[in-house]
Amino acid sequence: MPGAAPAAPLLLDRGDGASAKVSPAIRRAVTEFVRWQRVREFGRLLREGAFDYPLTNDEIESEDR
């Protein structure tokens, strides 16, 4: 991924209170999965109108003057 920030070490909780480092392949798979989850969630919010504003562009611009 060009321009991506370096990944922090991904730790896997083993369930016994300890953590273990995971392989780069697992880290990349988890990172991609989380990224796509966020993309899907954002798309769902867009479709549901979560980011709709009650004013049109013209109304907003007229208030800015």
PDB file of N, CA and C in Angstrom:
ATOM      1  N   MET A   1       0.846  -1.174   0.000  1.00  0.00           N
ATOM      2  CA  MET A   1       0.000   0.000   0.000  1.00  0.00           C
ATOM      3  C   MET A   1       0.886   1.230   0.000  1.00  0.00           C
ATOM      4  N   PRO A   2       0.960   1.924  -1.108  1.00  0.00           N
ATOM      5  CA  PRO A   2       1.805   3.107  -1.167  1.00  0.00           C
ATOM      6  C   PRO A   2       1.285   4.192  -0.235  1.00  0.00           C
ATOM      7  N   GLY A   3       2.194   4.828   0.451  1.00  0.00           N
ATOM      8  CA  GLY A   3       1.826   5.932   1.320  1.00  0.00           C
ATOM      9  C   GLY A   3       1.242   5.514   2.651  1.00  0.00           C
ATOM     10  N   ALA A   4       1.143   4.222   2.893  1.00  0.00           N
ATOM     11  CA  ALA A   4       0.572   3.752   4.152  1.00  0.00           C
ATOM     12  C   ALA A   4       1.591   3.929   5.273  1.00  0.00           C
ATOM     13  N   ALA A   5       1.078   4.205   6.434  1.00  0.00           N
ATOM     14  CA  ALA A   5       1.949   4.345   7.599  1.00  0.00           C
ATOM     15  C   ALA A   5       2.492   2.977   7.977  1.00  0.00           C
ATOM     16  N   PRO A   6       3.683   2.930   8.540  1.00  0.00           N
ATOM     17  CA  PRO A   6       4.218   1.640   8.957  1.00  0.00           C
ATOM     18  C   PRO A   6       3.307   1.008   9.999  1.00  0.00           C
ATOM     19  N   ALA A   7       3.087  -0.274   9.864  1.00  0.00           N
ATOM     20  CA  ALA A   7       2.183  -0.974  10.768  1.00  0.00           C
ATOM     21  C   ALA A   7       2.858  -1.207  12.112  1.00  0.00           C
ATOM     22  N   ALA A   8       2.104  -0.980  13.155  1.00  0.00           N
ATOM     23  CA  ALA A   8       2.602  -1.300  14.500  1.00  0.00           C
ATOM     24  C   ALA A   8       2.576  -2.816  14.651  1.00  0.00           C
ATOM     25  N   PRO A   9       3.420  -3.345  15.500  1.00  0.00           N
ATOM     26  CA  PRO A   9       3.397  -4.801  15.686  1.00  0.00           C
ATOM     27  C   PRO A   9       2.012  -5.256  16.131  1.00  0.00           C
ATOM     28  N   LEU A  10       1.466  -6.204  15.428  1.00  0.00           N
ATOM     29  CA  LEU A  10       0.158  -6.744  15.764  1.00  0.00           C
ATOM     30  C   LEU A  10       0.354  -7.869  16.762  1.00  0.00           C
ATOM     31  N   LEU A  11      -0.348  -7.780  17.867  1.00  0.00           N
ATOM     32  CA  LEU A  11      -0.229  -8.795  18.900  1.00  0.00           C
ATOM     33  C   LEU A  11      -1.522  -9.590  18.968  1.00  0.00           C
ATOM     34  N   LEU A  12      -1.406 -10.857  19.138  1.00  0.00           N
ATOM     35  CA  LEU A  12      -2.540 -11.750  19.226  1.00  0.00           C
ATOM     36  C   LEU A  12      -2.706 -12.177  20.673  1.00  0.00           C
ATOM     37  N   ASP A  13      -3.897 -11.945  21.219  1.00  0.00           N
ATOM     38  CA  ASP A  13      -4.161 -12.354  22.592  1.00  0.00           C
ATOM     39  C   ASP A  13      -4.366 -13.863  22.613  1.00  0.00           C
ATOM     40  N   ARG A  14      -3.548 -14.544  23.393  1.00  0.00           N
ATOM     41  CA  ARG A  14      -3.610 -16.000  23.451  1.00  0.00           C
ATOM     42  C   ARG A  14      -4.653 -16.499  24.441  1.00  0.00           C
ATOM     43  N   GLY A  15      -5.290 -15.606  25.160  1.00  0.00           N
ATOM     44  CA  GLY A  15      -6.319 -15.998  26.100  1.00  0.00           C
ATOM     45  C   GLY A  15      -5.801 -16.272  27.493  1.00  0.00           C
ATOM     46  N   ASP A  16      -4.504 -16.365  27.673  1.00  0.00           N
ATOM     47  CA  ASP A  16      -3.945 -16.634  28.995  1.00  0.00           C
ATOM     48  C   ASP A  16      -3.307 -15.380  29.593  1.00  0.00           C
ATOM     49  N   GLY A  17      -3.673 -14.228  29.061  1.00  0.00           N
ATOM     50  CA  GLY A  17      -3.121 -12.974  29.552  1.00  0.00           C
ATOM     51  C   GLY A  17      -1.840 -12.573  28.856  1.00  0.00           C
ATOM     52  N   ALA A  18      -1.272 -13.461  28.048  1.00  0.00           N
ATOM     53  CA  ALA A  18      -0.041 -13.161  27.320  1.00  0.00           C
ATOM     54  C   ALA A  18      -0.392 -12.834  25.872  1.00  0.00           C
ATOM     55  N   SER A  19       0.529 -12.228  25.189  1.00  0.00           N
ATOM     56  CA  SER A  19       0.343 -11.895  23.782  1.00  0.00           C
ATOM     57  C   SER A  19       1.493 -12.484  22.979  1.00  0.00           C
ATOM     58  N   ALA A  20       1.236 -12.729  21.723  1.00  0.00           N
ATOM     59  CA  ALA A  20       2.269 -13.256  20.834  1.00  0.00           C
ATOM     60  C   ALA A  20       2.267 -12.432  19.557  1.00  0.00           C
ATOM     61  N   LYS A  21       3.452 -12.141  19.027  1.00  0.00           N
ATOM     62  CA  LYS A  21       3.530 -11.434  17.753  1.00  0.00           C
ATOM     63  C   LYS A  21       3.024 -12.369  16.657  1.00  0.00           C
ATOM     64  N   VAL A  22       2.404 -11.770  15.652  1.00  0.00           N
ATOM     65  CA  VAL A  22       1.906 -12.574  14.537  1.00  0.00           C
ATOM     66  C   VAL A  22       2.735 -12.276  13.297  1.00  0.00           C
ATOM     67  N   SER A  23       2.624 -13.132  12.324  1.00  0.00           N
ATOM     68  CA  SER A  23       3.428 -13.006  11.112  1.00  0.00           C
ATOM     69  C   SER A  23       2.995 -11.789  10.288  1.00  0.00           C
ATOM     70  N   PRO A  24       3.870 -11.308   9.407  1.00  0.00           N
ATOM     71  CA  PRO A  24       3.514 -10.184   8.536  1.00  0.00           C
ATOM     72  C   PRO A  24       2.297 -10.491   7.656  1.00  0.00           C
ATOM     73  N   ALA A  25       2.144 -11.745   7.240  1.00  0.00           N
ATOM     74  CA  ALA A  25       0.995 -12.112   6.403  1.00  0.00           C
ATOM     75  C   ALA A  25      -0.313 -11.954   7.179  1.00  0.00           C
ATOM     76  N   ILE A  26      -0.318 -12.379   8.424  1.00  0.00           N
ATOM     77  CA  ILE A  26      -1.518 -12.235   9.257  1.00  0.00           C
ATOM     78  C   ILE A  26      -1.795 -10.764   9.512  1.00  0.00           C
ATOM     79  N   ARG A  27      -0.744 -10.003   9.805  1.00  0.00           N
ATOM     80  CA  ARG A  27      -0.901  -8.566  10.048  1.00  0.00           C
ATOM     81  C   ARG A  27      -1.532  -7.888   8.833  1.00  0.00           C
ATOM     82  N   ARG A  28      -1.045  -8.227   7.641  1.00  0.00           N
ATOM     83  CA  ARG A  28      -1.586  -7.608   6.431  1.00  0.00           C
ATOM     84  C   ARG A  28      -3.028  -8.030   6.192  1.00  0.00           C
ATOM     85  N   ALA A  29      -3.337  -9.303   6.421  1.00  0.00           N
ATOM     86  CA  ALA A  29      -4.707  -9.786   6.233  1.00  0.00           C
ATOM     87  C   ALA A  29      -5.672  -9.076   7.182  1.00  0.00           C
ATOM     88  N   VAL A  30      -5.273  -8.921   8.432  1.00  0.00           N
ATOM     89  CA  VAL A  30      -6.131  -8.244   9.403  1.00  0.00           C
ATOM     90  C   VAL A  30      -6.295  -6.775   9.038  1.00  0.00           C
ATOM     91  N   THR A  31      -5.203  -6.140   8.649  1.00  0.00           N
ATOM     92  CA  THR A  31      -5.261  -4.730   8.254  1.00  0.00           C
ATOM     93  C   THR A  31      -6.200  -4.521   7.072  1.00  0.00           C
ATOM     94  N   GLU A  32      -6.091  -5.369   6.059  1.00  0.00           N
ATOM     95  CA  GLU A  32      -6.972  -5.271   4.890  1.00  0.00           C
ATOM     96  C   GLU A  32      -8.426  -5.526   5.277  1.00  0.00           C
ATOM     97  N   PHE A  33      -8.650  -6.522   6.127  1.00  0.00           N
ATOM     98  CA  PHE A  33     -10.008  -6.831   6.559  1.00  0.00           C
ATOM     99  C   PHE A  33     -10.636  -5.644   7.267  1.00  0.00           C
ATOM    100  N   VAL A  34      -9.897  -5.033   8.197  1.00  0.00           N
ATOM    101  CA  VAL A  34     -10.412  -3.878   8.938  1.00  0.00           C
ATOM    102  C   VAL A  34     -10.660  -2.712   7.994  1.00  0.00           C
ATOM    103  N   ARG A  35      -9.756  -2.508   7.054  1.00  0.00           N
ATOM    104  CA  ARG A  35      -9.927  -1.416   6.079  1.00  0.00           C
ATOM    105  C   ARG A  35     -11.208  -1.602   5.283  1.00  0.00           C
ATOM    106  N   TRP A  36     -11.443  -2.810   4.787  1.00  0.00           N
ATOM    107  CA  TRP A  36     -12.654  -3.063   3.995  1.00  0.00           C
ATOM    108  C   TRP A  36     -13.909  -2.993   4.851  1.00  0.00           C
ATOM    109  N   GLN A  37     -13.829  -3.365   6.118  1.00  0.00           N
ATOM    110  CA  GLN A  37     -14.969  -3.217   7.019  1.00  0.00           C
ATOM    111  C   GLN A  37     -15.338  -1.739   7.146  1.00  0.00           C
ATOM    112  N   ARG A  38     -14.318  -0.882   7.304  1.00  0.00           N
ATOM    113  CA  ARG A  38     -14.569   0.557   7.419  1.00  0.00           C
ATOM    114  C   ARG A  38     -15.160   1.119   6.136  1.00  0.00           C
ATOM    115  N   VAL A  39     -14.671   0.650   4.987  1.00  0.00           N
ATOM    116  CA  VAL A  39     -15.202   1.117   3.699  1.00  0.00           C
ATOM    117  C   VAL A  39     -16.672   0.730   3.569  1.00  0.00           C
ATOM    118  N   ARG A  40     -16.997  -0.517   3.904  1.00  0.00           N
ATOM    119  CA  ARG A  40     -18.398  -0.970   3.830  1.00  0.00           C
ATOM    120  C   ARG A  40     -19.289  -0.184   4.783  1.00  0.00           C
ATOM    121  N   GLU A  41     -18.798   0.066   5.988  1.00  0.00           N
ATOM    122  CA  GLU A  41     -19.584   0.821   6.957  1.00  0.00           C
ATOM    123  C   GLU A  41     -19.825   2.250   6.473  1.00  0.00           C
ATOM    124  N   PHE A  42     -18.806   2.874   5.911  1.00  0.00           N
ATOM    125  CA  PHE A  42     -18.964   4.234   5.386  1.00  0.00           C
ATOM    126  C   PHE A  42     -19.977   4.250   4.246  1.00  0.00           C
ATOM    127  N   GLY A  43     -19.903   3.275   3.346  1.00  0.00           N
ATOM    128  CA  GLY A  43     -20.875   3.182   2.247  1.00  0.00           C
ATOM    129  C   GLY A  43     -22.291   3.010   2.759  1.00  0.00           C
ATOM    130  N   ARG A  44     -22.449   2.173   3.790  1.00  0.00           N
ATOM    131  CA  ARG A  44     -23.782   1.965   4.372  1.00  0.00           C
ATOM    132  C   ARG A  44     -24.316   3.271   4.957  1.00  0.00           C
ATOM    133  N   LEU A  45     -23.458   3.995   5.675  1.00  0.00           N
ATOM    134  CA  LEU A  45     -23.880   5.267   6.252  1.00  0.00           C
ATOM    135  C   LEU A  45     -24.265   6.276   5.168  1.00  0.00           C
ATOM    136  N   LEU A  46     -23.516   6.295   4.072  1.00  0.00           N
ATOM    137  CA  LEU A  46     -23.857   7.191   2.962  1.00  0.00           C
ATOM    138  C   LEU A  46     -25.235   6.855   2.399  1.00  0.00           C
ATOM    139  N   ARG A  47     -25.473   5.569   2.177  1.00  0.00           N
ATOM    140  CA  ARG A  47     -26.766   5.142   1.614  1.00  0.00           C
ATOM    141  C   ARG A  47     -27.924   5.462   2.551  1.00  0.00           C
ATOM    142  N   GLU A  48     -27.680   5.405   3.857  1.00  0.00           N
ATOM    143  CA  GLU A  48     -28.729   5.691   4.829  1.00  0.00           C
ATOM    144  C   GLU A  48     -28.944   7.188   5.046  1.00  0.00           C
ATOM    145  N   GLY A  49     -28.093   8.014   4.451  1.00  0.00           N
ATOM    146  CA  GLY A  49     -28.266   9.458   4.570  1.00  0.00           C
ATOM    147  C   GLY A  49     -27.673  10.059   5.828  1.00  0.00           C
ATOM    148  N   ALA A  50     -26.732   9.386   6.441  1.00  0.00           N
ATOM    149  CA  ALA A  50     -26.138   9.881   7.688  1.00  0.00           C
ATOM    150  C   ALA A  50     -25.385  11.194   7.489  1.00  0.00           C
ATOM    151  N   PHE A  51     -24.967  11.482   6.272  1.00  0.00           N
ATOM    152  CA  PHE A  51     -24.186  12.684   6.012  1.00  0.00           C
ATOM    153  C   PHE A  51     -24.962  13.724   5.212  1.00  0.00           C
ATOM    154  N   ASP A  52     -26.274  13.546   5.100  1.00  0.00           N
ATOM    155  CA  ASP A  52     -27.092  14.503   4.366  1.00  0.00           C
ATOM    156  C   ASP A  52     -27.284  15.769   5.199  1.00  0.00           C
ATOM    157  N   TYR A  53     -27.256  16.907   4.536  1.00  0.00           N
ATOM    158  CA  TYR A  53     -27.464  18.178   5.198  1.00  0.00           C
ATOM    159  C   TYR A  53     -28.809  18.737   4.750  1.00  0.00           C
ATOM    160  N   PRO A  54     -29.527  19.417   5.640  1.00  0.00           N
ATOM    161  CA  PRO A  54     -30.855  19.916   5.296  1.00  0.00           C
ATOM    162  C   PRO A  54     -30.840  21.085   4.301  1.00  0.00           C
ATOM    163  N   LEU A  55     -29.680  21.702   4.089  1.00  0.00           N
ATOM    164  CA  LEU A  55     -29.588  22.848   3.195  1.00  0.00           C
ATOM    165  C   LEU A  55     -28.954  22.441   1.864  1.00  0.00           C
ATOM    166  N   THR A  56     -29.337  23.138   0.800  1.00  0.00           N
ATOM    167  CA  THR A  56     -28.705  22.915  -0.496  1.00  0.00           C
ATOM    168  C   THR A  56     -27.390  23.688  -0.546  1.00  0.00           C
ATOM    169  N   ASN A  57     -26.575  23.423  -1.551  1.00  0.00           N
ATOM    170  CA  ASN A  57     -25.309  24.145  -1.702  1.00  0.00           C
ATOM    171  C   ASN A  57     -25.545  25.645  -1.834  1.00  0.00           C
ATOM    172  N   ASP A  58     -26.560  26.035  -2.614  1.00  0.00           N
ATOM    173  CA  ASP A  58     -26.856  27.460  -2.809  1.00  0.00           C
ATOM    174  C   ASP A  58     -27.232  28.128  -1.486  1.00  0.00           C
ATOM    175  N   GLU A  59     -28.020  27.437  -0.663  1.00  0.00           N
ATOM    176  CA  GLU A  59     -28.413  28.013   0.631  1.00  0.00           C
ATOM    177  C   GLU A  59     -27.200  28.176   1.557  1.00  0.00           C
ATOM    178  N   ILE A  60     -26.319  27.193   1.544  1.00  0.00           N
ATOM    179  CA  ILE A  60     -25.120  27.276   2.378  1.00  0.00           C
ATOM    180  C   ILE A  60     -24.232  28.425   1.914  1.00  0.00           C
ATOM    181  N   GLU A  61     -24.043  28.563   0.610  1.00  0.00           N
ATOM    182  CA  GLU A  61     -23.196  29.636   0.075  1.00  0.00           C
ATOM    183  C   GLU A  61     -23.790  30.994   0.362  1.00  0.00           C
ATOM    184  N   SER A  62     -25.113  31.133   0.294  1.00  0.00           N
ATOM    185  CA  SER A  62     -25.727  32.438   0.576  1.00  0.00           C
ATOM    186  C   SER A  62     -25.570  32.816   2.044  1.00  0.00           C
ATOM    187  N   GLU A  63     -25.554  31.839   2.941  1.00  0.00           N
ATOM    188  CA  GLU A  63     -25.346  32.126   4.363  1.00  0.00           C
ATOM    189  C   GLU A  63     -23.909  32.506   4.667  1.00  0.00           C
ATOM    190  N   ASP A  64     -22.968  32.034   3.861  1.00  0.00           N
ATOM    191  CA  ASP A  64     -21.547  32.336   4.071  1.00  0.00           C
ATOM    192  C   ASP A  64     -21.205  33.773   3.715  1.00  0.00           C
ATOM    193  N   ARG A  65     -22.010  34.420   2.952  1.00  0.00           N
ATOM    194  CA  ARG A  65     -21.700  35.792   2.496  1.00  0.00           C
ATOM    195  C   ARG A  65     -22.030  36.803   3.525  1.00  0.00           C
TER     196      ARG A  65
END
